[in-house]
Structures are given as structure tokens and as C-alpha cells.
């Protein structure tokens, strides 16, 4: 079943649940009015308005149905995430596998992630470009654990070429989001991160225990690991919007970015919506950590609309 991503950002509202239906009641509406959505259909609820209120019952039922709740701050970027507390029947065993996974296994998993990310970055560039060809060469040079830091080398090549030929200086990636395009990228990445964290919890894994990221103040190290090869999907969507004249983080743009969550992707020998693929991705990681598999089912974009121009 395809889960829905719901965003509340245009106006003040009260969020409640009645008969396991999420009710979004806006100012001037009566409690029985407003939008109604089955809780079981919701994958992510994103709240980006300072005058949205919640009932405790609404938050509890959402996470009980497996939804994640993302709260955005004053800069409109996700600031907090409420996730279900497990529910997987083998959660203790899976966390044990996660903790005891040998270092060589973690390094091989990180290699797969970096290779997939660099190849996805190359796919965002015209095939006849020098940077595209160089990225494919770099992807073949990734070693176990990426000792040469190919991920960083690829980024230095990719970002100046990402927007293609344009007037002015080449694009520069800014994680602080101090310009509209970087703010759009940051928003999209954060939503991907939240969705990956939700899938990890659903697979009985702890998002805090990464295979490569290990910042002691980061509660989502594993989500940050798995989101890396997904980032180029959001890059393609942001570039597409910019080329159509949408270069600011407004409700219309955010809605377009959120559409990426239901876009068709390929994972292994299957294809389907990204939100569904993320669960297979997380489950494949659990199998790798348990020693039953050596291959991650990393989602890959297949939407022809996202293909770079010739």
C-alpha cells in the first residue's frame, strides 16, 4: 500500500484524530468539518506553520499506525521528527546484528552506497560531458570503506556542473541553505532523511547506529548513511523546478518536491514508489548486517521526466 505524505503549511489548523481518521480543522471550521484522511494511509505528516496545534491522541495514533511526524522550524526546514518505537517482531535480534556487525561488512556496505551515489550523480549530467565520464571512472575506483574519499572528489566535480551552462558563477553547494536553491535542496534532503528513518525503524533497526556516519550528537547516523545515494533524485527535481522558474521554497515548490516520495524507482529486480522501495532498502540492510546477504537494494530513479537534457 502506498503511504501518503501530508503537508500543512498554508494556514493555521488543529490536527486531531476521530475514528482513526486524521482531521485537519482550519480556522473558521467546525470540529466535524475539514479534511479527513485515514491514519493507516499516512506515511509522513509534515507541519510547517507556527499556528498548527495537535491533540495528544492525534500524535499517538499516527505513530501507532507507523507514520512519522516532521515539525519544521522558523526557517521552514525540518527541525524535529517523531517516529514509532519499533513494532518489528525481531527488533532485539536486528539491533544485536546492527551492533555486532564486523567492520569489513560495514565498509563494504559503505562502498555500495558511495558507488550508487556517484553513479546517480553522473546520471544527472549529459552523457557526453567530461564530468559525467569522470564520475563513472571514480565510481569504479571506490574501495572498501572509500579510503580515497571518492565521495568528496565526486562532489567537487558534480556541483559546478550540476546546473549546466548558465550565466554567472558555477553553483556552490551550501549546507546552511543561504540561498533559495540550496534551501530547496536542504528541504528535500531532510524529507528523504525522515522517510529513511521511518523505514529503518520499521525494519527493526536503530537510526542512531550508523555504518559510516558516527557523529555522537547525531541521532540519525544510519539514516544519513542510507540517504546519500538518494540525494541525486532530489537534485534532479530541484534543478527541474529551477529551470521552470520555481527557485524559492514556497508551498507550491515544497509540494512539488514532496512528489518525489511517490515517484517510481527501481530497486533490485523490482520497481515501485520510493516510499515502498525504502522499506525494501532498509530490510536489505538488515539482511546484510545479519550476514544473510551482501547486497543493498538501493533505489534508483527511473522517471524519464527527471532525465537531464541532451
Protein backbone atom coordinates (compact mmCIF):
# COMPACT_ATOMS: atom_id res chain seq x y z
CA UNK A 1 0.00 0.00 0.00
CA UNK A 2 1.37 3.44 -0.99
CA UNK A 3 1.55 5.71 2.04
CA UNK A 4 0.70 9.38 1.66
CA UNK A 5 2.82 12.38 2.57
CA UNK A 6 0.71 15.19 4.07
CA UNK A 7 2.00 18.73 4.50
CA UNK A 8 0.35 21.53 6.49
CA UNK A 9 1.94 24.89 5.70
CA UNK A 10 -0.54 27.31 4.17
CA UNK A 11 -2.65 28.29 7.18
CA UNK A 12 -3.31 27.67 10.85
CA UNK A 13 -5.10 24.44 11.75
CA UNK A 14 -5.81 21.98 14.52
CA UNK A 15 -4.84 18.35 13.96
CA UNK A 16 -6.92 15.71 15.68
CA UNK A 17 -7.96 12.09 15.17
CA UNK A 18 -11.50 10.77 15.33
CA UNK A 19 -12.38 7.15 14.50
CA UNK A 20 -8.79 6.69 13.28
CA UNK A 21 -9.31 9.44 10.71
CA UNK A 22 -6.85 12.33 10.77
CA UNK A 23 -8.84 15.56 10.90
CA UNK A 24 -7.25 18.84 9.78
CA UNK A 25 -9.55 21.60 11.00
CA UNK A 26 -8.67 25.10 9.79
CA UNK A 27 -9.64 28.40 11.38
CA UNK A 28 -13.33 29.11 10.99
CA UNK A 29 -14.25 25.47 10.51
CA UNK A 30 -16.22 23.38 12.95
CA UNK A 31 -14.67 20.25 14.53
CA UNK A 32 -16.66 17.98 12.20
CA UNK A 33 -15.51 19.86 9.10
CA UNK A 34 -12.13 19.94 7.41
CA UNK A 35 -10.04 17.37 5.58
CA UNK A 36 -10.25 13.75 6.74
CA UNK A 37 -7.58 11.12 5.96
CA UNK A 38 -7.33 7.55 7.30
CA UNK A 39 -4.36 7.31 9.66
CA UNK A 40 -3.36 4.00 8.11
CA UNK A 41 -2.79 5.75 4.76
CA UNK A 42 -0.26 8.26 6.12
CA UNK A 43 3.49 7.73 5.87
CA UNK A 44 4.69 11.23 6.79
CA UNK A 45 2.93 14.27 8.23
CA UNK A 46 4.95 17.45 7.70
CA UNK A 47 3.96 20.54 9.69
CA UNK A 48 5.36 23.91 8.64
CA UNK A 49 3.12 26.55 10.19
CA UNK A 50 3.63 28.16 13.61
CA UNK A 51 -0.08 28.14 14.42
CA UNK A 52 -0.77 24.44 13.98
CA UNK A 53 -1.87 22.63 17.16
CA UNK A 54 -2.17 18.91 17.88
CA UNK A 55 -4.11 16.70 20.19
CA UNK A 56 -2.06 14.14 22.08
CA UNK A 57 -4.38 11.47 20.72
CA UNK A 58 -3.56 12.50 17.14
CA UNK A 59 0.19 12.15 17.64
CA UNK A 60 -0.20 8.84 19.45
CA UNK A 61 -2.46 7.29 16.81
CA UNK A 62 -0.26 8.48 13.93
CA UNK A 63 2.85 6.77 15.31
CA UNK A 64 0.81 3.71 16.28
CA UNK A 65 -0.14 3.41 12.61
CA UNK A 66 3.54 3.73 11.67
CA UNK A 67 3.56 7.33 10.46
CA UNK A 68 6.38 9.80 11.05
CA UNK A 69 5.65 13.38 12.09
CA UNK A 70 8.06 16.07 10.87
CA UNK A 71 7.99 19.52 12.53
CA UNK A 72 9.61 22.41 10.67
CA UNK A 73 11.27 25.41 12.31
CA UNK A 74 11.13 29.13 11.57
CA UNK A 75 13.44 28.64 8.55
CA UNK A 76 10.90 26.16 7.07
CA UNK A 77 13.44 23.33 7.31
CA UNK A 78 12.57 20.14 9.27
CA UNK A 79 13.63 20.63 12.89
CA UNK A 80 12.27 17.54 14.63
CA UNK A 81 10.95 14.06 13.91
CA UNK A 82 8.53 11.84 15.84
CA UNK A 83 8.89 8.16 14.95
CA UNK A 84 7.16 4.92 16.03
CA UNK A 85 9.05 3.00 18.70
CA UNK A 86 9.68 -0.22 16.83
CA UNK A 87 6.97 -2.78 16.32
CA UNK A 88 9.13 -5.20 14.32
CA UNK A 89 8.86 -8.75 15.63
CA UNK A 90 12.65 -9.28 15.57
CA UNK A 91 13.76 -5.85 16.79
CA UNK A 92 16.06 -7.20 19.55
CA UNK A 93 17.85 -9.58 17.17
CA UNK A 94 18.19 -6.93 14.50
CA UNK A 95 19.65 -4.35 16.86
CA UNK A 96 22.06 -7.02 18.10
CA UNK A 97 23.12 -7.69 14.48
CA UNK A 98 23.49 -3.96 13.96
CA UNK A 99 25.75 -3.52 16.99
CA UNK A 100 27.90 -6.59 16.30
CA UNK A 101 28.30 -6.18 12.52
CA UNK A 102 32.01 -6.65 11.66
CA UNK A 103 33.91 -3.62 10.41
CA UNK A 104 34.63 -5.22 6.99
CA UNK A 105 30.88 -5.67 6.47
CA UNK A 106 30.18 -2.03 7.33
CA UNK A 107 32.98 -0.89 5.00
CA UNK A 108 31.62 -2.97 2.11
CA UNK A 109 28.15 -1.52 2.69
CA UNK A 110 29.53 2.00 2.63
CA UNK A 111 31.31 1.19 -0.65
CA UNK A 112 28.00 0.18 -2.22
CA UNK A 113 26.40 3.42 -1.02
CA UNK A 114 29.18 5.64 -2.38
CA UNK A 115 29.26 3.82 -5.74
CA UNK A 116 25.49 4.19 -6.10
CA UNK A 117 25.62 7.89 -5.16
CA UNK A 118 28.40 8.74 -7.62
CA UNK A 119 26.70 6.83 -10.44
CA UNK A 120 23.43 8.62 -9.69
CA UNK A 121 25.23 11.96 -9.80
CA UNK A 122 26.71 11.01 -13.18
CA UNK A 123 23.22 10.12 -14.43
CA UNK A 124 22.12 13.69 -13.65
CA UNK A 125 24.61 15.05 -16.19
CA UNK A 126 24.62 14.82 -20.01
CA UNK A 127 26.25 11.57 -21.14
CA UNK A 128 28.63 13.37 -23.50
CA UNK A 129 30.03 15.62 -20.77
CA UNK A 130 33.55 15.20 -19.39
CA UNK A 131 32.27 15.32 -15.80
CA UNK A 132 29.79 12.52 -16.47
CA UNK A 133 32.56 10.31 -17.79
CA UNK A 134 34.90 11.22 -14.94
CA UNK A 135 32.27 10.39 -12.33
CA UNK A 136 31.77 6.95 -13.81
CA UNK A 137 35.52 6.37 -13.63
CA UNK A 138 35.56 7.48 -10.00
CA UNK A 139 32.68 5.11 -9.18
CA UNK A 140 34.84 2.21 -10.35
CA UNK A 141 37.68 3.37 -8.09
CA UNK A 142 35.73 3.24 -4.81
CA UNK A 143 37.36 0.83 -2.38
CA UNK A 144 36.01 -0.83 0.75
CA UNK A 145 35.15 1.97 3.16
CA UNK A 146 36.01 4.55 0.45
CA UNK A 147 39.59 5.15 1.70
CA UNK A 148 40.31 7.60 -1.14
CA UNK A 149 37.23 9.65 -0.22
CA UNK A 150 35.83 9.33 -3.73
CA UNK A 151 32.52 10.70 -2.43
CA UNK A 152 34.17 14.07 -1.76
CA UNK A 153 36.11 14.04 -5.03
CA UNK A 154 32.89 13.41 -6.95
CA UNK A 155 31.09 16.25 -5.17
CA UNK A 156 33.78 18.74 -6.20
CA UNK A 157 33.22 17.78 -9.83
CA UNK A 158 29.46 17.34 -9.72
CA UNK A 159 28.16 20.53 -8.17
CA UNK A 160 29.79 23.07 -10.53
CA UNK A 161 28.40 21.05 -13.47
CA UNK A 162 25.01 20.25 -11.93
CA UNK A 163 23.09 23.23 -13.33
CA UNK A 164 24.78 23.04 -16.72
CA UNK A 165 25.71 26.15 -18.65
CA UNK A 166 24.34 29.30 -17.04
CA UNK A 167 25.24 32.93 -16.62
CA UNK A 168 27.17 33.88 -13.53
CA UNK A 169 29.45 31.76 -11.32
CA UNK A 170 29.01 27.96 -11.07
CA UNK A 171 26.60 26.66 -8.47
CA UNK A 172 28.08 26.13 -5.00
CA UNK A 173 26.55 23.69 -2.54
CA UNK A 174 25.80 25.37 0.80
CA UNK A 175 24.52 23.12 3.59
CA UNK A 176 23.33 26.19 5.53
CA UNK A 177 20.84 26.95 2.77
CA UNK A 178 21.71 30.64 2.50
CA UNK A 179 20.18 30.94 -0.97
CA UNK A 180 16.85 29.70 -2.36
CA UNK A 181 18.22 26.81 -4.41
CA UNK A 182 20.25 25.41 -1.52
CA UNK A 183 17.23 25.85 0.76
CA UNK A 184 15.19 23.73 -1.66
CA UNK A 185 17.88 21.03 -1.67
CA UNK A 186 18.10 21.05 2.12
CA UNK A 187 14.33 20.72 2.47
CA UNK A 188 14.17 17.82 0.03
CA UNK A 189 17.09 16.02 1.65
CA UNK A 190 15.54 16.42 5.11
CA UNK A 191 12.27 14.86 3.95
CA UNK A 192 14.18 11.95 2.42
CA UNK A 193 16.07 11.58 5.71
CA UNK A 194 12.84 11.43 7.69
CA UNK A 195 11.36 8.84 5.35
CA UNK A 196 14.51 6.70 5.56
CA UNK A 197 14.49 6.92 9.37
CA UNK A 198 10.87 5.76 9.38
CA UNK A 199 11.76 2.80 7.14
CA UNK A 200 14.70 1.87 9.38
CA UNK A 201 12.53 1.80 12.48
CA UNK A 202 10.01 -0.31 10.59
CA UNK A 203 12.80 -2.77 9.80
CA UNK A 204 13.73 -3.09 13.48
CA UNK A 205 16.95 -1.05 13.18
CA UNK A 206 18.16 1.91 15.24
CA UNK A 207 18.70 5.07 13.14
CA UNK A 208 21.36 6.29 15.61
CA UNK A 209 23.87 3.48 14.88
CA UNK A 210 25.48 4.31 11.54
CA UNK A 211 27.72 2.22 9.32
CA UNK A 212 29.83 5.26 8.34
CA UNK A 213 28.40 8.41 9.92
CA UNK A 214 29.20 8.41 13.63
CA UNK A 215 28.74 11.92 15.00
CA UNK A 216 27.98 11.48 18.71
CA UNK A 217 25.39 14.28 18.64
CA UNK A 218 23.54 12.89 15.59
CA UNK A 219 20.54 10.69 16.39
CA UNK A 220 20.11 9.68 12.73
CA UNK A 221 23.55 8.50 11.63
CA UNK A 222 22.21 5.40 9.87
CA UNK A 223 19.53 7.42 8.08
CA UNK A 224 22.28 9.78 6.90
CA UNK A 225 24.20 6.79 5.55
CA UNK A 226 21.30 5.41 3.58
CA UNK A 227 20.07 8.75 2.27
CA UNK A 228 23.32 9.51 0.42
CA UNK A 229 22.55 7.64 -2.85
CA UNK A 230 19.02 9.09 -2.84
CA UNK A 231 20.15 12.71 -2.88
CA UNK A 232 20.65 12.91 -6.68
CA UNK A 233 16.95 12.14 -7.12
CA UNK A 234 16.14 15.33 -5.24
CA UNK A 235 18.90 17.20 -7.09
CA UNK A 236 17.16 16.36 -10.37
CA UNK A 237 13.79 17.55 -9.10
CA UNK A 238 15.20 20.83 -7.73
CA UNK A 239 17.03 21.55 -11.00
CA UNK A 240 13.88 20.78 -12.95
CA UNK A 241 11.89 23.25 -10.84
CA UNK A 242 14.57 25.93 -11.17
CA UNK A 243 14.57 25.60 -14.94
CA UNK A 244 10.81 26.13 -14.87
CA UNK A 245 11.23 29.33 -12.87
CA UNK A 246 10.42 27.95 -9.40
CA UNK A 247 13.51 28.89 -7.40
CA UNK A 248 12.20 29.62 -3.91
CA UNK A 249 10.96 27.46 -1.03
CA UNK A 250 7.25 28.31 -1.16
CA UNK A 251 4.29 25.94 -0.59
CA UNK A 252 3.92 25.19 -4.31
CA UNK A 253 7.61 24.30 -4.60
CA UNK A 254 7.56 22.16 -1.46
CA UNK A 255 4.57 20.24 -2.78
CA UNK A 256 6.49 19.55 -5.99
CA UNK A 257 9.48 18.32 -4.00
CA UNK A 258 7.27 16.03 -1.93
CA UNK A 259 6.02 14.39 -5.13
CA UNK A 260 9.43 12.73 -5.32
CA UNK A 261 8.31 10.46 -2.46
CA UNK A 262 5.83 8.65 -4.69
CA UNK A 263 7.90 8.66 -7.89
CA UNK A 264 8.67 5.27 -9.41
CA UNK A 265 12.12 3.89 -8.63
CA UNK A 266 13.93 0.64 -9.35
CA UNK A 267 15.28 -1.49 -6.52
CA UNK A 268 16.81 -4.85 -7.31
CA UNK A 269 14.60 -6.57 -9.88
CA UNK A 270 11.51 -4.65 -8.77
CA UNK A 271 10.10 -1.18 -9.29
CA UNK A 272 7.58 0.89 -7.38
CA UNK A 273 7.04 4.12 -5.42
CA UNK A 274 10.03 5.41 -3.45
CA UNK A 275 8.21 5.15 -0.11
CA UNK A 276 7.67 1.44 -0.74
CA UNK A 277 11.23 0.94 -2.00
CA UNK A 278 12.64 2.48 1.18
CA UNK A 279 11.24 -0.38 3.23
CA UNK A 280 12.92 -2.92 0.93
CA UNK A 281 16.12 -0.86 1.17
CA UNK A 282 16.05 -0.93 4.98
CA UNK A 283 15.15 -4.63 5.05
CA UNK A 284 18.07 -5.43 2.73
CA UNK A 285 20.39 -3.60 5.12
CA UNK A 286 19.10 -5.73 8.00
CA UNK A 287 19.83 -8.87 5.95
CA UNK A 288 23.37 -7.64 5.22
CA UNK A 289 24.05 -6.85 8.87
CA UNK A 290 22.85 -10.34 9.81
CA UNK A 291 25.23 -11.90 7.30
CA UNK A 292 22.47 -13.37 5.14
CA UNK A 293 23.11 -11.09 2.15
CA UNK A 294 25.80 -8.85 0.75
CA UNK A 295 23.74 -6.57 -1.48
CA UNK A 296 21.77 -3.44 -0.62
CA UNK A 297 18.59 -2.79 -2.61
CA UNK A 298 19.37 0.87 -3.25
CA UNK A 299 16.52 2.73 -5.02
CA UNK A 300 17.42 4.21 -8.40
CA UNK A 301 15.47 6.83 -10.34
CA UNK A 302 13.63 5.66 -13.44
CA UNK A 303 11.33 8.64 -14.07
CA UNK A 304 12.07 9.83 -17.62
CA UNK A 305 10.91 13.33 -16.65
CA UNK A 306 13.99 13.60 -14.44
CA UNK A 307 16.44 12.76 -17.23
CA UNK A 308 18.95 15.53 -17.99
CA UNK A 309 18.57 17.38 -21.31
CA UNK A 310 20.76 16.34 -24.20
